[in-house]
Amino acid sequence: MSLAFDEFGRPFIIIREQHKQKRLKGLAAHKANILAAKTVANILRTSLGPKGMDKMLLNQDGEVTVTNDGATILEKMDIDHQIGKLLVQLSKSQDDEVGDGTTGVVVLAGALLEEAERLLSKGIHPLRISKGFEIGCDIAVKHLETISESIVISKENPASLIKTAMTTLSSKIINRHHRQMAEIAVNAVLAVADFERKDVNFDLIKVDGKIGGKLEETMLVHGIVLDKEMAHPQMPKVFKNPKIALLTCPFEPPKPKTKHTMEVTSVEAYNVLYEQEQKYFVEMVDKCLASGCDVVMCQWGFDDEANHLLLQKKMPAVRWVGGVELELIAIATGARIVPRFEELTAAKLGTAKSLRELDFGTTKDRMLLIEGTPNAKTVTIFVRGGNKMIVEEAKRSLHDAICVTRNLIRDNRICYGGGSAEINCSLKVNEMADKIESLEQYGVRAFAAALDSVPIALAENSGLSSIETLAEVRKQQIEAGNAFMGIDCLQRGTNNMKEQMVFETLIGKQQQFQLATQVVKMILKIDDVIEPNDMDYDM
C-alpha cells in the first residue's frame, strides 16, 4: 500500500495487488449476504413451534448439546460469515431482552431477506426496500396493540401467568411436565417481583441442577441450594435455626506480602514454627466460636489440619463457597460478609430456620439446603434430570418461562400465538400497502408476505399442508373478524388460540418484529464486501 497525491494535493491510498482481493459489489454483495443469512435461518426453521425438531451440537471437546432453543443453537454453532454472526447477535438480543422467540426472530429475518432478494432482482433499490420494511414494521407493531388483551396480574391469581408460561414451554423438551414447570417458574418470579416498579431482579433467582432423579422432582426452594457439602464427613448435617457466618478470609496463617526466604535448620525451630501456626488456627476458630455462629461458610479452602481443628472445636464449616453464592446467602439470611476474623461479631451473623445436607440415593453427590430465610425474596429452582443434557435443557427452558413471566409483570398485555398474530398483522399490512402510492408499497407487501412465513413454518413442522392451512386460517380470520385464529399445531380440533389458551407477551412479539427489521435493514445497506487476501501493507 502506498500514499499518493492528486493535482490538488489531496492524498489518496493505492492498494497494491488489489486484483488478488476477494471483493463483491452491488447486487452480487447483496445476494451473497442474503444467501448466508437464509442458510442460518433455514437451519432454525425446523425448530419452530411445539412440534419443532431438536438440534444436536457437538463441540471440539466431544460434548453433546441437544436443544431447540434458537439462541443456544446459534451460540454453539461455529459460524465464520459475518452476516451469519449478525443473526447470532440478533437471537442473543431477543434472548436478553425478552427471553422467548429466539427462533422466530431469526426465521422472520430470513423470510424478510428472501423477499428482499426477490425485489432486488426486479431492480428496486435496497434503501426503498428497507424503507418499505420499516413502514410495514410500524404498521404491524401498532396493530399488535389493537389486537392485544390485558390480563390480571397478581400474586393471588397467577392463572394467566401460568398459561402464558405453559405456552412458552410447550415447544421444549420438558413439555411433558410443562404445567408443573410453569408453576415453578411463575412462583419463583412472584416471590421476588417488585410490583411497584413492575420489574424482577433475576439475580435473586438461582437455577441449579443435579444429575439423577426424575424431571418431575424439580422443585422450588424458598432459600438457597448450594452445590457444596460440610468440610468434614463427621460434622453435623442438620441445623435448626442456625446462625451463619460468611467469611472471605481463609483459615490459614497470614502470609507476608513481600518475597522472603525462611530456613529451618533445627527441630526446635520447626516446633516453634508449628506451634505458631497452631496458635493462628486456634485464634481464628476461637473468634468464630466467640461470635456465637453455628456454621461458617468460607470463600476459600483450608487444609486438612485446619479442617481437623474445626471438627475438634465443634465448629461446622463449608469451604470453597463462590462469591455469587455468598452474596445470595447474605441477601437471604441478612448476614454480613466478613473480610477479617477480627471483624466477626454476633451482629454480622445471618439466620435461617434450617440448614441441612441433601443426599441423592446411592451417589456421593451432596448439596446444602438453606430454608426459611428472613428475606424470602431469594429463591432457587432445583432441577433434576436423568443426564446432563436434560438438566441443561430444562434450565434453558425455565429461563425462557421466567423471562416471559417477567415481561407480563412489566406489561400485562398479551396476544395470541400459533401464528395468529402474524397472520392478522399480515392482513393489516397488506390492507395499508394499497394506500401507499410510492415505490415503498412493494417493500410493505414483502413485509406482509414475510410475516406469513412464521405460520407456514409452524404448519410444516406440525405435519400439515402449509399453504392449505394458511389459506384456511386467513379465511377464518377474515370471516370471524378476530385475531384468535391460528395454526392448530397440537391438532386439538380447533384453530381458536383463545380456546387453546396459547398466549404470547405483547412486548416479546413487538420486539421480535422490530429487531428482525433492524437487522435486515443493516444487511441491505451493505453493498461492498472487501476481504483482504494476503495483502502487503508496506508503505
Protein backbone atom coordinates (compact mmCIF):
# COMPACT_ATOMS: atom_id res chain seq x y z
CA MET A 1 0.00 0.00 0.00
CA SER A 2 1.40 3.43 -0.92
CA LEU A 3 0.37 7.03 -0.47
CA ALA A 4 -0.04 9.36 -3.48
CA PHE A 5 -1.36 12.88 -4.12
CA ASP A 6 -3.63 14.22 -6.85
CA GLU A 7 -3.21 17.51 -8.74
CA PHE A 8 -4.89 19.41 -5.91
CA GLY A 9 -2.56 17.97 -3.26
CA ARG A 10 -5.19 15.71 -1.76
CA PRO A 11 -3.76 12.39 -0.51
CA PHE A 12 -5.15 9.02 -1.55
CA ILE A 13 -4.04 5.44 -0.95
CA ILE A 14 -3.04 2.99 -3.69
CA ILE A 15 -3.52 -0.64 -2.62
CA ARG A 16 -1.10 -2.93 -4.42
CA GLU A 17 -2.21 -6.34 -5.69
CA GLN A 18 -5.81 -5.23 -5.37
CA HIS A 19 -6.78 -7.73 -8.04
CA LYS A 20 -5.98 -10.52 -5.60
CA GLN A 21 -8.62 -9.35 -3.13
CA LYS A 22 -11.98 -11.02 -2.86
CA ARG A 23 -14.43 -8.22 -3.49
CA LEU A 24 -18.18 -8.21 -4.08
CA LYS A 25 -20.09 -5.10 -5.11
CA GLY A 26 -23.69 -4.14 -5.67
CA LEU A 27 -26.24 -6.87 -6.34
CA ALA A 28 -23.63 -9.62 -6.01
CA ALA A 29 -22.76 -8.45 -2.47
CA HIS A 30 -26.43 -8.30 -1.51
CA LYS A 31 -27.13 -11.78 -2.82
CA ALA A 32 -24.07 -13.25 -1.07
CA ASN A 33 -25.09 -11.70 2.25
CA ILE A 34 -28.70 -12.78 1.85
CA LEU A 35 -27.63 -16.33 0.99
CA ALA A 36 -25.57 -16.56 4.19
CA ALA A 37 -28.44 -15.26 6.31
CA LYS A 38 -31.00 -17.55 4.64
CA THR A 39 -28.76 -20.56 5.28
CA VAL A 40 -28.65 -19.82 9.01
CA ALA A 41 -32.40 -19.08 9.16
CA ASN A 42 -33.25 -22.34 7.36
CA ILE A 43 -31.30 -24.30 9.97
CA LEU A 44 -33.56 -22.90 12.70
CA ARG A 45 -36.77 -23.05 10.69
CA THR A 46 -37.45 -26.71 11.53
CA SER A 47 -37.09 -25.96 15.27
CA LEU A 48 -40.02 -23.53 15.36
CA GLY A 49 -43.18 -24.36 17.26
CA PRO A 50 -44.35 -27.06 19.68
CA LYS A 51 -43.65 -29.79 17.12
CA GLY A 52 -40.26 -28.36 16.13
CA MET A 53 -37.28 -30.65 15.84
CA ASP A 54 -34.24 -30.58 18.14
CA LYS A 55 -30.65 -29.99 17.03
CA MET A 56 -27.64 -31.97 18.22
CA LEU A 57 -24.48 -29.90 18.50
CA LEU A 58 -21.06 -31.45 19.07
CA ASN A 59 -18.20 -29.23 20.23
CA GLN A 60 -14.46 -29.77 19.84
CA ASP A 61 -14.23 -31.46 23.25
CA GLY A 62 -16.80 -34.06 22.25
CA GLU A 63 -19.57 -32.64 24.48
CA VAL A 64 -23.05 -33.07 23.03
CA THR A 65 -25.84 -30.49 23.36
CA VAL A 66 -29.41 -31.33 22.30
CA THR A 67 -31.75 -28.33 22.19
CA ASN A 68 -34.32 -26.47 20.12
CA ASP A 69 -33.61 -23.09 21.73
CA GLY A 70 -32.64 -20.76 18.89
CA ALA A 71 -30.18 -18.66 20.91
CA THR A 72 -28.36 -21.74 22.19
CA ILE A 73 -28.16 -23.35 18.74
CA LEU A 74 -26.65 -20.25 17.14
CA GLU A 75 -24.33 -19.59 20.08
CA LYS A 76 -22.82 -23.09 19.84
CA MET A 77 -22.58 -23.13 16.04
CA ASP A 78 -19.22 -22.28 14.53
CA ILE A 79 -20.24 -19.52 12.10
CA ASP A 80 -17.48 -17.67 10.21
CA HIS A 81 -19.54 -15.50 7.87
CA GLN A 82 -20.09 -12.00 9.27
CA ILE A 83 -23.75 -11.89 8.23
CA GLY A 84 -24.31 -15.21 9.98
CA LYS A 85 -22.75 -13.69 13.09
CA LEU A 86 -25.23 -10.82 12.83
CA LEU A 87 -28.08 -13.31 13.14
CA VAL A 88 -26.37 -14.87 16.15
CA GLN A 89 -26.32 -11.45 17.79
CA LEU A 90 -29.95 -10.91 16.74
CA SER A 91 -31.04 -14.09 18.51
CA LYS A 92 -28.96 -13.23 21.58
CA SER A 93 -30.53 -9.75 21.75
CA GLN A 94 -34.01 -11.31 21.66
CA ASP A 95 -32.95 -13.75 24.39
CA ASP A 96 -31.51 -11.00 26.61
CA GLU A 97 -34.41 -8.59 26.17
CA VAL A 98 -37.38 -10.97 26.05
CA GLY A 99 -36.15 -14.49 26.73
CA ASP A 100 -38.53 -16.12 24.25
CA GLY A 101 -38.96 -16.03 20.47
CA THR A 102 -35.27 -16.54 19.71
CA THR A 103 -36.06 -18.96 16.88
CA GLY A 104 -38.97 -16.97 15.46
CA VAL A 105 -36.98 -13.74 15.17
CA VAL A 106 -34.30 -15.43 13.03
CA VAL A 107 -36.92 -17.18 10.86
CA LEU A 108 -38.65 -13.81 10.29
CA ALA A 109 -35.35 -12.12 9.43
CA GLY A 110 -34.58 -14.89 6.92
CA ALA A 111 -38.02 -14.50 5.33
CA LEU A 112 -37.57 -10.73 5.05
CA LEU A 113 -34.24 -11.19 3.30
CA GLU A 114 -35.76 -13.75 0.94
CA GLU A 115 -38.45 -11.23 -0.02
CA ALA A 116 -35.80 -8.53 -0.35
CA GLU A 117 -33.82 -10.71 -2.76
CA ARG A 118 -36.89 -11.05 -4.97
CA LEU A 119 -37.37 -7.26 -5.03
CA LEU A 120 -33.68 -6.63 -5.71
CA SER A 121 -33.92 -8.87 -8.77
CA LYS A 122 -36.68 -6.59 -10.05
CA GLY A 123 -34.33 -3.60 -9.84
CA ILE A 124 -35.77 -1.90 -6.74
CA HIS A 125 -33.14 0.00 -4.74
CA PRO A 126 -32.19 -1.55 -1.36
CA LEU A 127 -32.96 1.67 0.51
CA ARG A 128 -36.50 1.74 -0.90
CA ILE A 129 -36.96 -1.86 0.20
CA SER A 130 -35.60 -1.03 3.68
CA LYS A 131 -37.99 1.92 3.95
CA GLY A 132 -40.90 -0.31 2.96
CA PHE A 133 -39.91 -2.88 5.61
CA GLU A 134 -39.73 -0.11 8.20
CA ILE A 135 -43.21 1.17 7.28
CA GLY A 136 -44.60 -2.38 7.39
CA CYS A 137 -42.99 -3.00 10.78
CA ASP A 138 -44.50 0.19 12.23
CA ILE A 139 -47.94 -0.81 10.95
CA ALA A 140 -47.60 -4.32 12.40
CA VAL A 141 -46.33 -3.13 15.81
CA LYS A 142 -49.17 -0.62 16.17
CA HIS A 143 -51.71 -3.21 15.03
CA LEU A 144 -50.45 -5.65 17.67
CA GLU A 145 -51.57 -3.17 20.33
CA THR A 146 -55.10 -3.12 18.92
CA ILE A 147 -55.45 -6.94 18.91
CA SER A 148 -53.80 -7.41 22.32
CA GLU A 149 -55.69 -8.04 25.54
CA SER A 150 -54.86 -7.11 29.12
CA ILE A 151 -54.81 -9.81 31.78
CA VAL A 152 -54.96 -9.55 35.56
CA ILE A 153 -51.56 -9.93 37.20
CA SER A 154 -51.42 -10.59 40.94
CA LYS A 155 -49.83 -12.96 43.44
CA GLU A 156 -53.28 -14.19 44.45
CA ASN A 157 -54.35 -15.05 40.89
CA PRO A 158 -51.37 -16.41 38.89
CA ALA A 159 -53.52 -18.47 36.46
CA SER A 160 -52.91 -16.21 33.43
CA LEU A 161 -49.18 -16.12 34.10
CA ILE A 162 -49.07 -19.92 34.30
CA LYS A 163 -50.97 -20.29 31.00
CA THR A 164 -48.51 -17.97 29.23
CA ALA A 165 -45.53 -19.81 30.72
CA MET A 166 -47.06 -23.12 29.57
CA THR A 167 -47.23 -21.78 26.01
CA THR A 168 -43.51 -20.96 26.21
CA LEU A 169 -42.66 -24.44 27.49
CA SER A 170 -44.88 -26.29 25.00
CA SER A 171 -42.05 -26.47 22.44
CA LYS A 172 -39.39 -27.54 24.94
CA ILE A 173 -38.11 -30.94 25.93
CA ILE A 174 -39.86 -30.64 29.31
CA ASN A 175 -43.33 -30.22 27.79
CA ARG A 176 -44.48 -33.50 29.42
CA HIS A 177 -44.41 -31.65 32.73
CA HIS A 178 -45.00 -28.14 31.43
CA ARG A 179 -47.78 -27.42 33.92
CA GLN A 180 -45.53 -28.17 36.90
CA MET A 181 -42.56 -26.31 35.37
CA ALA A 182 -44.72 -23.29 34.51
CA GLU A 183 -45.98 -23.12 38.11
CA ILE A 184 -42.40 -23.31 39.42
CA ALA A 185 -41.24 -20.51 37.08
CA VAL A 186 -44.22 -18.26 37.90
CA ASN A 187 -43.95 -18.82 41.67
CA ALA A 188 -40.22 -18.05 41.52
CA VAL A 189 -40.86 -14.75 39.74
CA LEU A 190 -43.76 -13.76 42.01
CA ALA A 191 -41.59 -14.44 45.08
CA VAL A 192 -39.03 -11.81 44.04
CA ALA A 193 -41.13 -9.43 41.91
CA ASP A 194 -41.39 -5.75 42.76
CA PHE A 195 -44.92 -4.79 41.70
CA GLU A 196 -44.34 -1.11 42.48
CA ARG A 197 -41.52 -0.82 39.95
CA LYS A 198 -43.05 -3.55 37.75
CA ASP A 199 -39.75 -5.35 37.44
CA VAL A 200 -37.97 -8.51 38.56
CA ASN A 201 -34.38 -8.81 39.74
CA PHE A 202 -33.10 -12.02 38.13
CA ASP A 203 -30.09 -12.05 40.47
CA LEU A 204 -32.45 -13.19 43.23
CA ILE A 205 -33.49 -16.29 41.26
CA LYS A 206 -30.87 -19.02 41.16
CA VAL A 207 -31.34 -22.00 38.83
CA ASP A 208 -29.26 -25.01 39.85
CA GLY A 209 -29.38 -28.64 38.82
CA LYS A 210 -28.11 -32.08 39.71
CA ILE A 211 -27.95 -35.17 37.53
CA GLY A 212 -30.07 -38.04 38.81
CA GLY A 213 -33.70 -38.48 39.71
CA LYS A 214 -36.69 -37.65 37.56
CA LEU A 215 -37.56 -34.40 35.84
CA GLU A 216 -40.77 -34.11 37.86
CA GLU A 217 -38.67 -33.99 41.05
CA THR A 218 -37.67 -30.44 40.12
CA MET A 219 -38.68 -28.15 42.96
CA LEU A 220 -38.76 -24.52 44.04
CA VAL A 221 -36.85 -23.74 47.23
CA HIS A 222 -37.59 -20.51 49.10
CA GLY A 223 -33.98 -20.16 50.07
CA ILE A 224 -30.57 -21.20 48.75
CA VAL A 225 -29.30 -24.52 47.36
CA LEU A 226 -25.51 -24.86 47.37
CA ASP A 227 -23.60 -27.48 45.44
CA LYS A 228 -21.37 -28.00 48.47
CA GLU A 229 -21.11 -30.30 51.48
CA MET A 230 -19.76 -29.99 55.01
CA ALA A 231 -15.97 -29.75 55.08
CA HIS A 232 -15.65 -32.90 57.24
CA PRO A 233 -17.86 -36.01 56.98
CA GLN A 234 -18.20 -36.16 60.79
CA MET A 235 -19.61 -32.64 61.08
CA PRO A 236 -23.38 -32.32 61.76
CA LYS A 237 -25.63 -32.50 58.70
CA VAL A 238 -28.79 -30.81 60.04
CA PHE A 239 -29.13 -27.48 61.86
CA LYS A 240 -32.25 -25.86 63.30
CA ASN A 241 -32.32 -22.05 63.45
CA PRO A 242 -28.57 -21.79 62.71
CA LYS A 243 -26.52 -18.60 62.91
CA ILE A 244 -24.37 -18.39 59.79
CA ALA A 245 -21.03 -16.59 59.39
CA LEU A 246 -19.83 -15.66 55.90
CA LEU A 247 -16.07 -15.27 55.53
CA THR A 248 -13.88 -14.16 52.63
CA CYS A 249 -10.69 -14.78 54.66
CA PRO A 250 -9.02 -18.22 54.63
CA PHE A 251 -8.30 -20.44 57.64
CA GLU A 252 -4.54 -20.22 57.26
CA PRO A 253 -1.61 -18.27 58.76
CA PRO A 254 -1.11 -14.77 57.32
CA LYS A 255 1.42 -14.56 54.50
CA PRO A 256 3.84 -11.62 54.12
CA LYS A 257 3.25 -9.55 51.01
CA THR A 258 6.98 -9.30 50.29
CA LYS A 259 9.15 -12.07 48.91
CA HIS A 260 11.03 -13.87 51.66
CA THR A 261 13.09 -16.97 52.33
CA MET A 262 12.91 -18.87 55.59
CA GLU A 263 15.33 -21.63 56.52
CA VAL A 264 14.52 -24.14 59.25
CA THR A 265 17.84 -25.61 60.48
CA SER A 266 16.79 -27.45 63.62
CA VAL A 267 13.97 -29.46 65.15
CA GLU A 268 13.46 -26.78 67.82
CA ALA A 269 12.94 -24.08 65.16
CA TYR A 270 10.45 -26.27 63.31
CA ASN A 271 8.49 -26.90 66.53
CA VAL A 272 8.36 -23.17 67.26
CA LEU A 273 7.03 -22.53 63.73
CA TYR A 274 4.47 -25.34 64.08
CA GLU A 275 3.25 -24.01 67.44
CA GLN A 276 2.89 -20.53 65.96
CA GLU A 277 0.77 -21.88 63.08
CA GLN A 278 -1.39 -23.83 65.54
CA LYS A 279 -1.83 -20.65 67.56
CA TYR A 280 -3.06 -18.81 64.46
CA PHE A 281 -5.55 -21.60 63.70
CA VAL A 282 -6.82 -21.74 67.28
CA GLU A 283 -7.27 -17.95 67.41
CA MET A 284 -9.27 -17.98 64.16
CA VAL A 285 -11.55 -20.75 65.34
CA ASP A 286 -11.97 -19.14 68.78
CA LYS A 287 -13.06 -15.87 67.17
CA CYS A 288 -15.72 -17.77 65.21
CA LEU A 289 -16.92 -19.51 68.38
CA ALA A 290 -16.92 -16.23 70.31
CA SER A 291 -19.26 -14.66 67.76
CA GLY A 292 -21.86 -17.33 68.53
CA CYS A 293 -22.12 -18.73 64.97
CA ASP A 294 -23.25 -22.31 64.37
CA VAL A 295 -21.93 -22.69 60.78
CA VAL A 296 -19.03 -20.99 58.99
CA MET A 297 -19.11 -20.59 55.20
CA CYS A 298 -15.72 -19.66 53.77
CA GLN A 299 -14.99 -18.43 50.25
CA TRP A 300 -11.54 -20.04 50.35
CA GLY A 301 -10.38 -23.54 51.08
CA PHE A 302 -8.50 -24.76 54.15
CA ASP A 303 -6.19 -27.70 54.60
CA ASP A 304 -6.83 -30.93 56.47
CA GLU A 305 -5.15 -29.65 59.62
CA ALA A 306 -7.47 -26.65 59.85
CA ASN A 307 -10.41 -28.89 58.98
CA HIS A 308 -9.50 -31.32 61.77
CA LEU A 309 -9.13 -28.47 64.27
CA LEU A 310 -12.58 -27.14 63.30
CA LEU A 311 -14.01 -30.60 63.95
CA GLN A 312 -12.29 -30.80 67.35
CA LYS A 313 -13.65 -27.41 68.34
CA LYS A 314 -17.15 -28.48 67.14
CA MET A 315 -17.24 -25.67 64.58
CA PRO A 316 -19.06 -26.92 61.40
CA ALA A 317 -17.72 -25.30 58.24
CA VAL A 318 -18.22 -25.23 54.45
CA ARG A 319 -15.33 -24.34 52.16
CA TRP A 320 -14.97 -23.07 48.57
CA VAL A 321 -18.30 -21.22 48.56
CA GLY A 322 -18.37 -18.99 45.46
CA GLY A 323 -18.63 -15.23 45.65
CA VAL A 324 -22.04 -15.14 43.91
CA GLU A 325 -23.40 -17.75 46.34
CA LEU A 326 -22.03 -15.79 49.31
CA GLU A 327 -23.86 -12.68 48.11
CA LEU A 328 -27.12 -14.61 47.70
CA ILE A 329 -26.77 -16.14 51.17
CA ALA A 330 -26.05 -12.69 52.60
CA ILE A 331 -29.19 -11.28 50.96
CA ALA A 332 -31.34 -14.21 52.08
CA THR A 333 -30.10 -14.62 55.65
CA GLY A 334 -29.32 -11.00 56.47
CA ALA A 335 -25.65 -11.81 57.14
CA ARG A 336 -22.71 -9.50 56.51
CA ILE A 337 -19.75 -10.78 54.50
CA VAL A 338 -16.70 -10.55 56.79
CA PRO A 339 -13.23 -10.00 55.25
CA ARG A 340 -11.21 -10.41 58.50
CA PHE A 341 -11.63 -12.61 61.55
CA GLU A 342 -11.17 -9.58 63.83
CA GLU A 343 -14.34 -8.02 62.40
CA LEU A 344 -16.56 -11.05 63.03
CA THR A 345 -19.28 -10.19 65.57
CA ALA A 346 -22.69 -11.55 66.51
CA ALA A 347 -24.36 -8.62 64.70
CA LYS A 348 -22.89 -9.79 61.38
CA LEU A 349 -24.33 -13.30 61.51
CA GLY A 350 -27.23 -14.45 59.34
CA THR A 351 -30.16 -16.63 60.37
CA ALA A 352 -32.39 -19.25 58.80
CA LYS A 353 -34.94 -21.76 60.01
CA SER A 354 -32.96 -24.76 58.82
CA LEU A 355 -29.75 -25.78 57.09
CA ARG A 356 -29.39 -29.39 56.02
CA GLU A 357 -27.34 -31.58 53.74
CA LEU A 358 -29.15 -33.44 50.97
CA ASP A 359 -28.13 -36.92 49.80
CA PHE A 360 -29.01 -38.31 46.37
CA GLY A 361 -29.67 -42.02 46.52
CA THR A 362 -26.61 -44.19 46.01
CA THR A 363 -24.43 -41.42 44.58
CA LYS A 364 -21.81 -39.49 46.53
CA ASP A 365 -23.30 -36.15 45.50
CA ARG A 366 -24.44 -33.92 48.32
CA MET A 367 -25.85 -30.41 48.44
CA LEU A 368 -26.67 -27.91 51.17
CA LEU A 369 -30.18 -26.53 51.51
CA ILE A 370 -30.83 -23.29 53.41
CA GLU A 371 -34.55 -22.76 54.05
CA GLY A 372 -36.75 -20.34 55.94
CA THR A 373 -34.57 -17.29 55.40
CA PRO A 374 -35.72 -13.89 56.80
CA ASN A 375 -35.59 -12.35 53.33
CA ALA A 376 -37.94 -14.59 51.33
CA LYS A 377 -37.04 -12.72 48.12
CA THR A 378 -34.29 -15.19 47.31
CA VAL A 379 -35.36 -18.43 45.65
CA THR A 380 -33.66 -21.37 43.98
CA ILE A 381 -35.09 -23.63 41.29
CA PHE A 382 -33.53 -27.05 41.81
CA VAL A 383 -33.65 -29.06 38.57
CA ARG A 384 -33.32 -32.85 38.41
CA GLY A 385 -32.84 -34.98 35.32
CA GLY A 386 -31.53 -38.27 34.07
CA ASN A 387 -28.45 -36.84 32.34
CA LYS A 388 -26.58 -33.59 31.86
CA MET A 389 -28.30 -32.73 28.55
CA ILE A 390 -31.78 -32.90 30.07
CA VAL A 391 -30.76 -30.86 33.11
CA GLU A 392 -29.17 -28.13 30.96
CA GLU A 393 -32.11 -28.01 28.54
CA ALA A 394 -34.54 -27.80 31.47
CA LYS A 395 -32.55 -24.86 32.83
CA ARG A 396 -32.75 -23.06 29.47
CA SER A 397 -36.47 -23.75 29.22
CA LEU A 398 -37.16 -22.46 32.72
CA HIS A 399 -35.13 -19.34 31.92
CA ASP A 400 -37.45 -18.64 28.97
CA ALA A 401 -40.54 -19.13 31.14
CA ILE A 402 -39.11 -16.85 33.84
CA CYS A 403 -38.36 -14.12 31.26
CA VAL A 404 -41.88 -14.33 29.79
CA THR A 405 -43.42 -14.04 33.26
CA ARG A 406 -41.21 -11.03 33.96
CA ASN A 407 -42.39 -9.40 30.74
CA LEU A 408 -46.03 -9.81 31.76
CA ILE A 409 -45.30 -8.07 35.06
CA ARG A 410 -43.72 -5.20 33.11
CA ASP A 411 -46.63 -5.07 30.63
CA ASN A 412 -49.71 -7.23 31.26
CA ARG A 413 -50.87 -7.26 27.62
CA ILE A 414 -50.87 -10.48 25.62
CA CYS A 415 -51.53 -11.52 22.04
CA TYR A 416 -52.42 -14.99 20.82
CA GLY A 417 -49.87 -17.45 19.48
CA GLY A 418 -49.97 -20.20 16.91
CA GLY A 419 -49.11 -17.67 14.19
CA SER A 420 -52.45 -15.90 14.68
CA ALA A 421 -50.82 -12.52 15.44
CA GLU A 422 -48.56 -12.76 12.36
CA ILE A 423 -51.49 -13.67 10.08
CA ASN A 424 -53.63 -10.82 11.37
CA CYS A 425 -50.76 -8.34 11.08
CA SER A 426 -50.07 -9.58 7.54
CA LEU A 427 -53.69 -8.87 6.57
CA LYS A 428 -53.47 -5.39 8.10
CA VAL A 429 -50.12 -4.56 6.44
CA ASN A 430 -51.44 -5.70 3.04
CA GLU A 431 -54.51 -3.51 3.53
CA MET A 432 -52.39 -0.45 4.35
CA ALA A 433 -49.99 -1.14 1.44
CA ASP A 434 -52.79 -0.38 -1.01
CA LYS A 435 -52.91 3.18 0.36
CA ILE A 436 -49.19 3.83 -0.28
CA GLU A 437 -48.56 5.44 -3.67
CA SER A 438 -44.74 5.40 -3.67
CA LEU A 439 -42.40 2.58 -4.57
CA GLU A 440 -42.19 1.59 -0.87
CA GLN A 441 -45.50 -0.26 -1.24
CA TYR A 442 -43.56 -3.20 -2.69
CA GLY A 443 -41.45 -3.38 0.47
CA VAL A 444 -44.57 -3.14 2.64
CA ARG A 445 -46.23 -6.03 0.78
CA ALA A 446 -42.99 -8.00 1.05
CA PHE A 447 -43.07 -7.47 4.83
CA ALA A 448 -46.61 -8.85 4.92
CA ALA A 449 -45.51 -11.89 2.91
CA ALA A 450 -42.58 -12.45 5.28
CA LEU A 451 -44.93 -12.45 8.26
CA ASP A 452 -46.75 -15.40 6.70
CA SER A 453 -43.53 -17.43 6.84
CA VAL A 454 -43.97 -18.00 10.60
CA PRO A 455 -47.39 -19.73 10.38
CA ILE A 456 -46.18 -21.61 7.28
CA ALA A 457 -43.19 -22.95 9.25
CA LEU A 458 -45.48 -23.88 12.16
CA ALA A 459 -47.77 -25.82 9.82
CA GLU A 460 -44.85 -27.59 8.10
CA ASN A 461 -43.29 -28.60 11.40
CA SER A 462 -46.64 -29.97 12.57
CA GLY A 463 -47.02 -32.21 9.51
CA LEU A 464 -49.80 -30.09 7.96
CA SER A 465 -50.19 -28.78 4.43
CA SER A 466 -48.69 -25.31 4.85
CA ILE A 467 -50.36 -23.36 2.03
CA GLU A 468 -53.75 -25.01 2.51
CA THR A 469 -53.67 -24.49 6.29
CA LEU A 470 -52.59 -20.86 5.98
CA ALA A 471 -55.33 -20.11 3.43
CA GLU A 472 -57.96 -21.71 5.69
CA VAL A 473 -56.85 -19.73 8.77
CA ARG A 474 -56.73 -16.45 6.82
CA LYS A 475 -60.27 -17.13 5.64
CA GLN A 476 -61.41 -17.83 9.21
CA GLN A 477 -59.83 -14.61 10.49
CA ILE A 478 -61.47 -12.52 7.76
CA GLU A 479 -64.90 -14.13 8.26
CA ALA A 480 -64.80 -14.13 12.08
CA GLY A 481 -63.25 -10.67 12.29
CA ASN A 482 -60.91 -11.60 15.14
CA ALA A 483 -57.21 -12.31 15.62
CA PHE A 484 -57.64 -15.54 17.59
CA MET A 485 -57.39 -17.99 14.70
CA GLY A 486 -54.00 -19.67 14.31
CA ILE A 487 -52.33 -22.93 13.33
CA ASP A 488 -53.61 -25.93 15.28
CA CYS A 489 -50.12 -27.37 15.82
CA LEU A 490 -51.24 -29.81 18.52
CA GLN A 491 -54.25 -30.88 16.42
CA ARG A 492 -56.83 -30.32 19.12
CA GLY A 493 -59.64 -29.81 16.63
CA THR A 494 -59.89 -26.02 16.79
CA ASN A 495 -57.91 -23.13 15.35
CA ASN A 496 -59.08 -20.75 18.08
CA MET A 497 -55.95 -19.94 20.09
CA LYS A 498 -58.07 -18.28 22.78
CA GLU A 499 -59.80 -21.59 23.46
CA GLN A 500 -56.49 -23.44 23.35
CA MET A 501 -55.03 -20.81 25.73
CA VAL A 502 -51.94 -20.18 23.59
CA PHE A 503 -50.62 -16.82 24.79
CA GLU A 504 -47.60 -14.69 23.93
CA THR A 505 -46.47 -11.44 25.51
CA LEU A 506 -47.07 -8.26 23.54
CA ILE A 507 -43.58 -6.98 24.44
CA GLY A 508 -41.98 -10.13 23.05
CA LYS A 509 -43.88 -10.06 19.77
CA GLN A 510 -43.23 -6.36 19.15
CA GLN A 511 -39.55 -6.80 19.96
CA GLN A 512 -39.41 -9.72 17.53
CA PHE A 513 -40.75 -7.62 14.63
CA GLN A 514 -38.55 -4.62 15.40
CA LEU A 515 -35.27 -6.50 15.92
CA ALA A 516 -35.71 -8.56 12.75
CA THR A 517 -36.45 -5.42 10.70
CA GLN A 518 -33.44 -3.52 12.11
CA VAL A 519 -31.01 -6.33 11.29
CA VAL A 520 -32.42 -6.77 7.78
CA LYS A 521 -32.10 -3.03 7.12
CA MET A 522 -28.46 -3.23 8.23
CA ILE A 523 -27.76 -6.14 5.88
CA LEU A 524 -29.45 -4.42 2.92
CA LYS A 525 -27.26 -1.34 3.36
CA ILE A 526 -24.10 -3.39 2.76
CA ASP A 527 -23.28 -3.16 -0.97
CA ASP A 528 -19.49 -3.63 -0.96
CA VAL A 529 -17.68 -6.53 0.70
CA ILE A 530 -13.88 -6.43 0.66
CA GLU A 531 -11.98 -9.37 2.10
CA PRO A 532 -8.18 -8.86 2.10
CA ASN A 533 -6.18 -11.82 0.84
CA ASP A 534 -2.50 -11.77 1.89
CA MET A 535 -2.20 -8.05 1.19
CA ASP A 536 1.14 -6.30 1.53
CA TYR A 537 0.80 -3.43 4.00
CA ASP A 538 4.23 -1.88 3.47
CA MET A 539 4.12 1.85 2.74
